[in-house]
Amino acid sequence: LGANDIDGGATTLTSPTLDAGEDAELVYWRWYSNNAGASPNEDSMLVEISTNNGTSWSTLEIVTENANQWVEKRFPVEASSEINVRFIASDLGDGSIVEAGVDDLRIEAVGCPGTPADINGDGNLDFFDVSAFLTLFNAQDPQADFNGDGVWDFFDVSAFLTAFSAG
């Protein structure tokens, strides 16, 4: 334990250049842990995106949660053929145990442009989207966490129905 983790600095993983068309999302799964060692819960993993082939970067998220599981993340991205993503995990304090992983990074086309309520991606908002949402919601699928807070509750149902009504 602690022999092969990040110590006294940072490690960076940068994606190859990705291409995103209109109405696309950046999707990835991540694992992050920093709840053990000499100074637990004091470090983080920075996730950044560039839409100009790495000339400048914007923050997507700063990960500090110790989920103890793989977490899927989705972010809308602008159309560009010069997208890069980088993950910077660091241990800058008194030697906490920092473990970080990234998997299944991809750009995904969104079904119905500008309509996240098109759950089944067929381009139509109808009963089948409501049924698909409820099935995902009951299974606590990340796609049904409509407000992105990591909890499946009334607020996700309300956000979905608002998006559905807006078309």
N, C-alpha and C. Protein backbone atom coordinates (compact mmCIF):
# COMPACT_ATOMS: atom_id res chain seq x y z
N LEU A 1 0.84 -1.19 0.00
CA LEU A 1 0.00 0.00 0.00
C LEU A 1 0.88 1.24 0.00
N GLY A 2 0.65 2.11 -0.95
CA GLY A 2 1.38 3.37 -1.01
C GLY A 2 2.68 3.30 -1.78
N ALA A 3 3.13 2.09 -2.17
CA ALA A 3 4.40 1.97 -2.88
C ALA A 3 4.29 2.41 -4.34
N ASN A 4 3.12 2.30 -4.93
CA ASN A 4 2.98 2.60 -6.35
C ASN A 4 1.93 3.67 -6.64
N ASP A 5 1.71 4.55 -5.68
CA ASP A 5 0.76 5.63 -5.91
C ASP A 5 1.53 6.91 -6.26
N ILE A 6 0.83 8.01 -6.39
CA ILE A 6 1.44 9.30 -6.70
C ILE A 6 2.03 9.87 -5.42
N ASP A 7 3.27 10.34 -5.46
CA ASP A 7 3.90 10.93 -4.29
C ASP A 7 4.65 12.21 -4.66
N GLY A 8 4.42 13.27 -3.90
CA GLY A 8 5.22 14.49 -4.00
C GLY A 8 5.13 15.22 -5.33
N GLY A 9 4.02 15.16 -5.99
CA GLY A 9 3.88 15.86 -7.27
C GLY A 9 2.60 15.47 -7.97
N ALA A 10 2.67 15.47 -9.29
CA ALA A 10 1.48 15.18 -10.08
C ALA A 10 1.85 14.28 -11.25
N THR A 11 0.86 13.57 -11.73
CA THR A 11 1.01 12.79 -12.96
C THR A 11 -0.13 13.19 -13.89
N THR A 12 0.19 13.31 -15.17
CA THR A 12 -0.78 13.81 -16.14
C THR A 12 -0.99 12.79 -17.25
N LEU A 13 -2.24 12.57 -17.58
CA LEU A 13 -2.63 11.72 -18.70
C LEU A 13 -3.39 12.62 -19.68
N THR A 14 -2.89 12.71 -20.93
CA THR A 14 -3.52 13.55 -21.94
C THR A 14 -4.00 12.68 -23.09
N SER A 15 -5.22 12.91 -23.51
CA SER A 15 -5.81 12.13 -24.60
C SER A 15 -5.18 12.50 -25.93
N PRO A 16 -5.33 11.61 -26.91
CA PRO A 16 -5.02 12.03 -28.28
C PRO A 16 -6.07 13.04 -28.73
N THR A 17 -5.87 13.67 -29.86
CA THR A 17 -6.83 14.63 -30.38
C THR A 17 -8.10 13.90 -30.81
N LEU A 18 -9.24 14.45 -30.38
CA LEU A 18 -10.55 13.87 -30.67
C LEU A 18 -11.35 14.82 -31.55
N ASP A 19 -12.32 14.28 -32.26
CA ASP A 19 -13.16 15.06 -33.16
C ASP A 19 -14.60 14.98 -32.68
N ALA A 20 -15.24 16.15 -32.50
CA ALA A 20 -16.64 16.18 -32.08
C ALA A 20 -17.46 16.99 -33.07
N GLY A 21 -18.58 16.43 -33.49
CA GLY A 21 -19.51 17.15 -34.35
C GLY A 21 -20.48 17.94 -33.50
N GLU A 22 -21.51 18.46 -34.15
CA GLU A 22 -22.57 19.19 -33.45
C GLU A 22 -23.27 18.26 -32.46
N ASP A 23 -23.75 18.81 -31.37
CA ASP A 23 -24.53 18.07 -30.37
C ASP A 23 -23.83 16.82 -29.90
N ALA A 24 -22.64 17.01 -29.35
CA ALA A 24 -21.84 15.87 -28.88
C ALA A 24 -21.55 16.02 -27.39
N GLU A 25 -21.21 14.88 -26.78
CA GLU A 25 -20.81 14.86 -25.37
C GLU A 25 -19.46 14.16 -25.23
N LEU A 26 -18.67 14.66 -24.32
CA LEU A 26 -17.47 13.96 -23.89
C LEU A 26 -17.91 13.02 -22.77
N VAL A 27 -17.55 11.75 -22.88
CA VAL A 27 -17.96 10.75 -21.90
C VAL A 27 -16.71 10.02 -21.43
N TYR A 28 -16.60 9.78 -20.13
CA TYR A 28 -15.53 8.94 -19.60
C TYR A 28 -15.96 8.37 -18.25
N TRP A 29 -15.28 7.32 -17.87
CA TRP A 29 -15.44 6.74 -16.53
C TRP A 29 -14.17 7.05 -15.76
N ARG A 30 -14.33 7.38 -14.47
CA ARG A 30 -13.16 7.67 -13.64
C ARG A 30 -13.29 7.01 -12.28
N TRP A 31 -12.13 6.71 -11.72
CA TRP A 31 -12.00 6.20 -10.35
C TRP A 31 -11.04 7.14 -9.65
N TYR A 32 -11.41 7.55 -8.44
CA TYR A 32 -10.51 8.42 -7.68
C TYR A 32 -10.63 8.08 -6.20
N SER A 33 -9.48 7.97 -5.56
CA SER A 33 -9.45 7.70 -4.13
C SER A 33 -8.31 8.48 -3.49
N ASN A 34 -8.60 9.09 -2.36
CA ASN A 34 -7.61 9.86 -1.61
C ASN A 34 -8.02 9.88 -0.14
N ASN A 35 -8.47 8.74 0.37
CA ASN A 35 -9.00 8.72 1.74
C ASN A 35 -8.13 7.94 2.71
N ALA A 36 -6.85 7.79 2.38
CA ALA A 36 -5.95 7.08 3.29
C ALA A 36 -4.58 7.75 3.27
N GLY A 37 -3.72 7.35 4.19
CA GLY A 37 -2.37 7.88 4.25
C GLY A 37 -2.22 8.97 5.29
N ALA A 38 -1.10 9.71 5.20
CA ALA A 38 -0.76 10.71 6.21
C ALA A 38 -1.67 11.93 6.18
N SER A 39 -2.19 12.29 5.01
CA SER A 39 -3.08 13.46 4.92
C SER A 39 -4.24 13.16 3.97
N PRO A 40 -5.17 12.31 4.43
CA PRO A 40 -6.28 11.93 3.56
C PRO A 40 -7.18 13.10 3.19
N ASN A 41 -7.82 12.98 2.02
CA ASN A 41 -8.81 13.94 1.54
C ASN A 41 -8.27 15.35 1.32
N GLU A 42 -6.97 15.48 1.10
CA GLU A 42 -6.38 16.82 0.87
C GLU A 42 -5.93 17.03 -0.56
N ASP A 43 -6.00 16.01 -1.41
CA ASP A 43 -5.55 16.14 -2.79
C ASP A 43 -6.72 16.03 -3.74
N SER A 44 -6.44 16.19 -5.03
CA SER A 44 -7.52 16.17 -6.01
C SER A 44 -6.99 15.73 -7.37
N MET A 45 -7.94 15.52 -8.27
CA MET A 45 -7.60 15.24 -9.67
C MET A 45 -8.32 16.29 -10.51
N LEU A 46 -7.55 17.04 -11.28
CA LEU A 46 -8.07 18.07 -12.15
C LEU A 46 -8.34 17.45 -13.52
N VAL A 47 -9.52 17.72 -14.08
CA VAL A 47 -9.87 17.25 -15.43
C VAL A 47 -10.11 18.50 -16.27
N GLU A 48 -9.34 18.60 -17.36
CA GLU A 48 -9.42 19.78 -18.22
C GLU A 48 -9.67 19.38 -19.67
N ILE A 49 -10.22 20.33 -20.45
CA ILE A 49 -10.48 20.11 -21.87
C ILE A 49 -9.89 21.27 -22.67
N SER A 50 -9.41 20.93 -23.85
CA SER A 50 -8.93 21.93 -24.81
C SER A 50 -9.68 21.71 -26.11
N THR A 51 -10.13 22.80 -26.72
CA THR A 51 -10.79 22.70 -28.03
C THR A 51 -9.92 23.32 -29.12
N ASN A 52 -8.65 23.56 -28.80
CA ASN A 52 -7.72 24.12 -29.78
C ASN A 52 -6.39 23.36 -29.78
N ASN A 53 -6.50 22.04 -29.67
CA ASN A 53 -5.35 21.14 -29.74
C ASN A 53 -4.30 21.40 -28.66
N GLY A 54 -4.75 21.79 -27.47
CA GLY A 54 -3.86 21.95 -26.33
C GLY A 54 -3.24 23.32 -26.14
N THR A 55 -3.66 24.30 -26.95
CA THR A 55 -3.12 25.65 -26.79
C THR A 55 -3.60 26.28 -25.48
N SER A 56 -4.87 26.08 -25.15
CA SER A 56 -5.42 26.57 -23.87
C SER A 56 -6.35 25.50 -23.31
N TRP A 57 -6.56 25.56 -21.99
CA TRP A 57 -7.34 24.52 -21.29
C TRP A 57 -8.40 25.16 -20.42
N SER A 58 -9.54 24.46 -20.28
CA SER A 58 -10.62 24.87 -19.38
C SER A 58 -10.91 23.71 -18.43
N THR A 59 -11.29 24.03 -17.20
CA THR A 59 -11.58 23.00 -16.20
C THR A 59 -12.96 22.39 -16.45
N LEU A 60 -13.00 21.05 -16.52
CA LEU A 60 -14.27 20.32 -16.57
C LEU A 60 -14.73 20.00 -15.16
N GLU A 61 -13.81 19.49 -14.35
CA GLU A 61 -14.16 19.16 -12.96
C GLU A 61 -12.89 19.04 -12.13
N ILE A 62 -13.06 19.23 -10.84
CA ILE A 62 -12.00 18.98 -9.86
C ILE A 62 -12.53 17.86 -8.97
N VAL A 63 -11.90 16.70 -9.08
CA VAL A 63 -12.40 15.51 -8.39
C VAL A 63 -11.77 15.41 -7.01
N THR A 64 -12.62 15.35 -5.99
CA THR A 64 -12.16 15.15 -4.62
C THR A 64 -12.92 14.02 -3.94
N GLU A 65 -14.01 13.57 -4.57
CA GLU A 65 -14.84 12.54 -3.94
C GLU A 65 -14.13 11.18 -3.93
N ASN A 66 -14.36 10.43 -2.89
CA ASN A 66 -13.86 9.06 -2.77
C ASN A 66 -15.04 8.12 -2.98
N ALA A 67 -15.43 7.94 -4.23
CA ALA A 67 -16.64 7.18 -4.53
C ALA A 67 -16.48 5.68 -4.30
N ASN A 68 -15.25 5.18 -4.32
CA ASN A 68 -14.99 3.74 -4.18
C ASN A 68 -15.66 2.93 -5.27
N GLN A 69 -15.83 3.55 -6.43
CA GLN A 69 -16.41 2.86 -7.59
C GLN A 69 -16.12 3.69 -8.83
N TRP A 70 -16.33 3.08 -9.98
CA TRP A 70 -16.20 3.80 -11.24
C TRP A 70 -17.40 4.73 -11.38
N VAL A 71 -17.14 5.98 -11.80
CA VAL A 71 -18.17 6.99 -11.96
C VAL A 71 -18.15 7.47 -13.41
N GLU A 72 -19.32 7.42 -14.07
CA GLU A 72 -19.41 7.92 -15.44
C GLU A 72 -19.67 9.42 -15.41
N LYS A 73 -18.95 10.15 -16.26
CA LYS A 73 -19.14 11.59 -16.37
C LYS A 73 -19.44 11.94 -17.83
N ARG A 74 -20.33 12.92 -18.02
CA ARG A 74 -20.73 13.37 -19.36
C ARG A 74 -20.73 14.90 -19.37
N PHE A 75 -20.12 15.46 -20.41
CA PHE A 75 -20.08 16.91 -20.56
C PHE A 75 -20.37 17.27 -22.01
N PRO A 76 -21.25 18.24 -22.26
CA PRO A 76 -21.45 18.68 -23.64
C PRO A 76 -20.18 19.35 -24.14
N VAL A 77 -19.87 19.14 -25.42
CA VAL A 77 -18.68 19.76 -26.02
C VAL A 77 -19.09 20.47 -27.31
N GLU A 78 -18.36 21.53 -27.62
CA GLU A 78 -18.62 22.24 -28.86
C GLU A 78 -18.00 21.48 -30.03
N ALA A 79 -18.54 21.69 -31.21
CA ALA A 79 -18.02 21.03 -32.40
C ALA A 79 -16.59 21.50 -32.64
N SER A 80 -15.68 20.56 -32.75
CA SER A 80 -14.27 20.87 -32.98
C SER A 80 -13.55 19.59 -33.38
N SER A 81 -12.54 19.73 -34.20
CA SER A 81 -11.71 18.57 -34.57
C SER A 81 -10.39 18.60 -33.81
N GLU A 82 -10.31 19.45 -32.79
CA GLU A 82 -9.06 19.62 -32.04
C GLU A 82 -9.26 19.47 -30.54
N ILE A 83 -10.07 18.50 -30.10
CA ILE A 83 -10.36 18.33 -28.67
C ILE A 83 -9.34 17.41 -28.02
N ASN A 84 -8.82 17.85 -26.89
CA ASN A 84 -7.97 17.03 -26.04
C ASN A 84 -8.51 17.11 -24.62
N VAL A 85 -8.31 16.05 -23.87
CA VAL A 85 -8.71 16.01 -22.47
C VAL A 85 -7.49 15.59 -21.67
N ARG A 86 -7.30 16.21 -20.51
CA ARG A 86 -6.20 15.76 -19.65
C ARG A 86 -6.67 15.62 -18.22
N PHE A 87 -6.07 14.65 -17.57
CA PHE A 87 -6.36 14.30 -16.18
C PHE A 87 -5.08 14.49 -15.41
N ILE A 88 -5.12 15.31 -14.35
CA ILE A 88 -3.92 15.60 -13.56
C ILE A 88 -4.21 15.20 -12.11
N ALA A 89 -3.68 14.06 -11.70
CA ALA A 89 -3.84 13.60 -10.31
C ALA A 89 -2.59 14.01 -9.55
N SER A 90 -2.78 14.53 -8.35
CA SER A 90 -1.62 15.03 -7.60
C SER A 90 -1.65 14.62 -6.14
N ASP A 91 -0.46 14.54 -5.59
CA ASP A 91 -0.26 14.31 -4.15
C ASP A 91 0.75 15.36 -3.71
N LEU A 92 0.24 16.48 -3.23
CA LEU A 92 1.10 17.61 -2.91
C LEU A 92 1.31 17.81 -1.41
N GLY A 93 0.64 17.01 -0.60
CA GLY A 93 0.74 17.19 0.85
C GLY A 93 1.71 16.23 1.50
N ASP A 94 1.31 15.71 2.65
CA ASP A 94 2.16 14.85 3.46
C ASP A 94 2.01 13.37 3.15
N GLY A 95 1.91 13.02 1.91
CA GLY A 95 1.93 11.59 1.55
C GLY A 95 0.63 10.85 1.74
N SER A 96 -0.46 11.39 1.24
CA SER A 96 -1.69 10.62 1.25
C SER A 96 -1.62 9.55 0.16
N ILE A 97 -2.52 8.60 0.22
CA ILE A 97 -2.59 7.55 -0.80
C ILE A 97 -3.54 8.05 -1.88
N VAL A 98 -3.00 8.37 -3.06
CA VAL A 98 -3.79 8.87 -4.18
C VAL A 98 -3.83 7.80 -5.26
N GLU A 99 -5.03 7.36 -5.60
CA GLU A 99 -5.24 6.38 -6.66
C GLU A 99 -6.22 6.99 -7.65
N ALA A 100 -5.88 6.97 -8.94
CA ALA A 100 -6.75 7.54 -9.95
C ALA A 100 -6.73 6.66 -11.20
N GLY A 101 -7.89 6.56 -11.85
CA GLY A 101 -7.98 5.79 -13.09
C GLY A 101 -9.00 6.41 -14.02
N VAL A 102 -8.79 6.22 -15.32
CA VAL A 102 -9.69 6.72 -16.35
C VAL A 102 -9.90 5.60 -17.35
N ASP A 103 -11.14 5.45 -17.82
CA ASP A 103 -11.45 4.40 -18.78
C ASP A 103 -12.55 4.86 -19.73
N ASP A 104 -12.58 4.28 -20.89
CA ASP A 104 -13.67 4.44 -21.87
C ASP A 104 -13.94 5.90 -22.22
N LEU A 105 -12.88 6.67 -22.48
CA LEU A 105 -13.01 8.07 -22.90
C LEU A 105 -13.48 8.09 -24.35
N ARG A 106 -14.54 8.88 -24.62
CA ARG A 106 -15.05 8.94 -25.99
C ARG A 106 -15.88 10.20 -26.20
N ILE A 107 -16.09 10.52 -27.48
CA ILE A 107 -17.03 11.57 -27.87
C ILE A 107 -18.26 10.84 -28.38
N GLU A 108 -19.43 11.25 -27.89
CA GLU A 108 -20.67 10.56 -28.23
C GLU A 108 -21.66 11.57 -28.82
N ALA A 109 -22.29 11.19 -29.93
CA ALA A 109 -23.32 12.03 -30.52
C ALA A 109 -24.56 11.97 -29.64
N VAL A 110 -25.16 13.11 -29.41
CA VAL A 110 -26.39 13.18 -28.61
C VAL A 110 -27.56 12.96 -29.57
N GLY A 111 -28.53 12.14 -29.13
CA GLY A 111 -29.65 11.76 -29.99
C GLY A 111 -30.39 12.90 -30.65
N CYS A 112 -31.21 13.57 -29.93
CA CYS A 112 -32.04 14.64 -30.47
C CYS A 112 -31.37 15.96 -30.12
N PRO A 113 -30.87 16.71 -31.10
CA PRO A 113 -30.08 17.91 -30.81
C PRO A 113 -30.73 18.83 -29.79
N GLY A 114 -30.01 19.13 -28.73
CA GLY A 114 -30.48 20.05 -27.72
C GLY A 114 -31.60 19.52 -26.86
N THR A 115 -31.93 18.23 -26.96
CA THR A 115 -33.03 17.66 -26.20
C THR A 115 -32.56 16.45 -25.40
N PRO A 116 -32.09 16.66 -24.20
CA PRO A 116 -31.60 15.54 -23.41
C PRO A 116 -32.69 14.55 -23.01
N ALA A 117 -33.95 14.94 -23.16
CA ALA A 117 -35.05 14.04 -22.79
C ALA A 117 -35.29 12.95 -23.83
N ASP A 118 -34.59 13.01 -24.98
CA ASP A 118 -34.69 11.95 -25.99
C ASP A 118 -33.80 10.80 -25.53
N ILE A 119 -34.24 10.11 -24.49
CA ILE A 119 -33.44 9.08 -23.82
C ILE A 119 -33.08 7.94 -24.76
N ASN A 120 -34.01 7.53 -25.62
CA ASN A 120 -33.71 6.39 -26.51
C ASN A 120 -33.02 6.82 -27.80
N GLY A 121 -32.79 8.12 -27.99
CA GLY A 121 -32.00 8.61 -29.11
C GLY A 121 -32.62 8.43 -30.48
N ASP A 122 -33.95 8.30 -30.58
CA ASP A 122 -34.57 8.07 -31.88
C ASP A 122 -35.02 9.36 -32.57
N GLY A 123 -34.76 10.51 -31.94
CA GLY A 123 -35.13 11.78 -32.54
C GLY A 123 -36.57 12.20 -32.28
N ASN A 124 -37.32 11.40 -31.53
CA ASN A 124 -38.71 11.72 -31.19
C ASN A 124 -38.89 11.76 -29.68
N LEU A 125 -39.65 12.73 -29.20
CA LEU A 125 -40.00 12.76 -27.79
C LEU A 125 -41.38 12.16 -27.65
N ASP A 126 -41.46 11.02 -26.96
CA ASP A 126 -42.73 10.32 -26.86
C ASP A 126 -42.74 9.42 -25.62
N PHE A 127 -43.76 8.62 -25.51
CA PHE A 127 -43.92 7.70 -24.38
C PHE A 127 -42.69 6.82 -24.19
N PHE A 128 -42.05 6.43 -25.28
CA PHE A 128 -40.91 5.52 -25.18
C PHE A 128 -39.73 6.16 -24.45
N ASP A 129 -39.58 7.49 -24.56
CA ASP A 129 -38.54 8.19 -23.80
C ASP A 129 -38.87 8.21 -22.31
N VAL A 130 -40.14 8.45 -21.99
CA VAL A 130 -40.57 8.44 -20.58
C VAL A 130 -40.34 7.06 -19.99
N SER A 131 -40.74 6.03 -20.72
CA SER A 131 -40.56 4.66 -20.25
C SER A 131 -39.08 4.32 -20.07
N ALA A 132 -38.26 4.73 -21.03
CA ALA A 132 -36.81 4.47 -20.94
C ALA A 132 -36.20 5.20 -19.74
N PHE A 133 -36.63 6.47 -19.53
CA PHE A 133 -36.12 7.22 -18.38
C PHE A 133 -36.48 6.52 -17.07
N LEU A 134 -37.74 6.10 -16.94
CA LEU A 134 -38.17 5.44 -15.69
C LEU A 134 -37.43 4.13 -15.46
N THR A 135 -37.16 3.40 -16.52
CA THR A 135 -36.39 2.16 -16.38
C THR A 135 -34.97 2.47 -15.90
N LEU A 136 -34.32 3.46 -16.50
CA LEU A 136 -32.98 3.87 -16.08
C LEU A 136 -32.99 4.41 -14.65
N PHE A 137 -34.01 5.20 -14.32
CA PHE A 137 -34.14 5.78 -12.99
C PHE A 137 -34.26 4.68 -11.93
N ASN A 138 -35.10 3.69 -12.18
CA ASN A 138 -35.27 2.58 -11.23
C ASN A 138 -34.00 1.77 -11.06
N ALA A 139 -33.19 1.71 -12.10
CA ALA A 139 -31.92 0.97 -12.03
C ALA A 139 -30.79 1.85 -11.51
N GLN A 140 -31.07 3.11 -11.20
CA GLN A 140 -30.08 4.09 -10.76
C GLN A 140 -28.93 4.18 -11.75
N ASP A 141 -29.28 4.18 -13.04
CA ASP A 141 -28.31 4.34 -14.12
C ASP A 141 -27.84 5.79 -14.14
N PRO A 142 -26.54 6.06 -14.36
CA PRO A 142 -26.04 7.44 -14.39
C PRO A 142 -26.77 8.34 -15.38
N GLN A 143 -27.29 7.79 -16.47
CA GLN A 143 -28.00 8.60 -17.45
C GLN A 143 -29.29 9.18 -16.86
N ALA A 144 -29.86 8.54 -15.85
CA ALA A 144 -31.09 9.03 -15.23
C ALA A 144 -30.83 10.03 -14.11
N ASP A 145 -29.57 10.26 -13.78
CA ASP A 145 -29.22 11.30 -12.80
C ASP A 145 -29.26 12.62 -13.55
N PHE A 146 -30.45 13.08 -13.86
CA PHE A 146 -30.68 14.17 -14.80
C PHE A 146 -30.09 15.49 -14.34
N ASN A 147 -29.97 15.71 -13.04
CA ASN A 147 -29.37 16.96 -12.58
C ASN A 147 -27.89 16.78 -12.20
N GLY A 148 -27.35 15.57 -12.36
CA GLY A 148 -25.92 15.34 -12.19
C GLY A 148 -25.39 15.43 -10.78
N ASP A 149 -26.25 15.25 -9.77
CA ASP A 149 -25.79 15.38 -8.39
C ASP A 149 -25.40 14.05 -7.74
N GLY A 150 -25.46 12.95 -8.50
CA GLY A 150 -25.08 11.65 -7.95
C GLY A 150 -26.15 10.97 -7.13
N VAL A 151 -27.35 11.56 -7.09
CA VAL A 151 -28.47 11.01 -6.31
C VAL A 151 -29.67 10.86 -7.26
N TRP A 152 -30.35 9.74 -7.16
CA TRP A 152 -31.55 9.52 -7.98
C TRP A 152 -32.77 9.82 -7.11
N ASP A 153 -33.44 10.97 -7.39
CA ASP A 153 -34.55 11.38 -6.56
C ASP A 153 -35.56 12.20 -7.37
N PHE A 154 -36.50 12.80 -6.67
CA PHE A 154 -37.56 13.60 -7.30
C PHE A 154 -36.99 14.67 -8.22
N PHE A 155 -35.85 15.25 -7.85
CA PHE A 155 -35.29 16.35 -8.63
C PHE A 155 -34.86 15.88 -10.03
N ASP A 156 -34.42 14.62 -10.14
CA ASP A 156 -34.09 14.08 -11.46
C ASP A 156 -35.36 13.90 -12.30
N VAL A 157 -36.41 13.40 -11.70
CA VAL A 157 -37.68 13.22 -12.40
C VAL A 157 -38.20 14.59 -12.85
N SER A 158 -38.14 15.56 -11.97
CA SER A 158 -38.60 16.90 -12.30
C SER A 158 -37.77 17.49 -13.45
N ALA A 159 -36.46 17.35 -13.40
CA ALA A 159 -35.58 17.87 -14.46
C ALA A 159 -35.87 17.18 -15.79
N PHE A 160 -36.09 15.87 -15.74
CA PHE A 160 -36.41 15.15 -16.97
C PHE A 160 -37.74 15.65 -17.55
N LEU A 161 -38.77 15.77 -16.71
CA LEU A 161 -40.08 16.22 -17.20
C LEU A 161 -40.02 17.64 -17.74
N THR A 162 -39.21 18.50 -17.14
CA THR A 162 -39.03 19.86 -17.65
C THR A 162 -38.39 19.82 -19.03
N ALA A 163 -37.35 19.01 -19.19
CA ALA A 163 -36.68 18.89 -20.50
C ALA A 163 -37.62 18.28 -21.52
N PHE A 164 -38.39 17.29 -21.10
CA PHE A 164 -39.35 16.63 -21.99
C PHE A 164 -40.41 17.64 -22.47
N SER A 165 -40.93 18.43 -21.53
CA SER A 165 -41.95 19.42 -21.88
C SER A 165 -41.41 20.52 -22.79
N ALA A 166 -40.13 20.86 -22.60
CA ALA A 166 -39.51 21.91 -23.42
C ALA A 166 -39.26 21.44 -24.85
N GLY A 167 -39.27 20.10 -25.05
CA GLY A 167 -39.08 19.55 -26.40
C GLY A 167 -37.66 19.54 -26.77
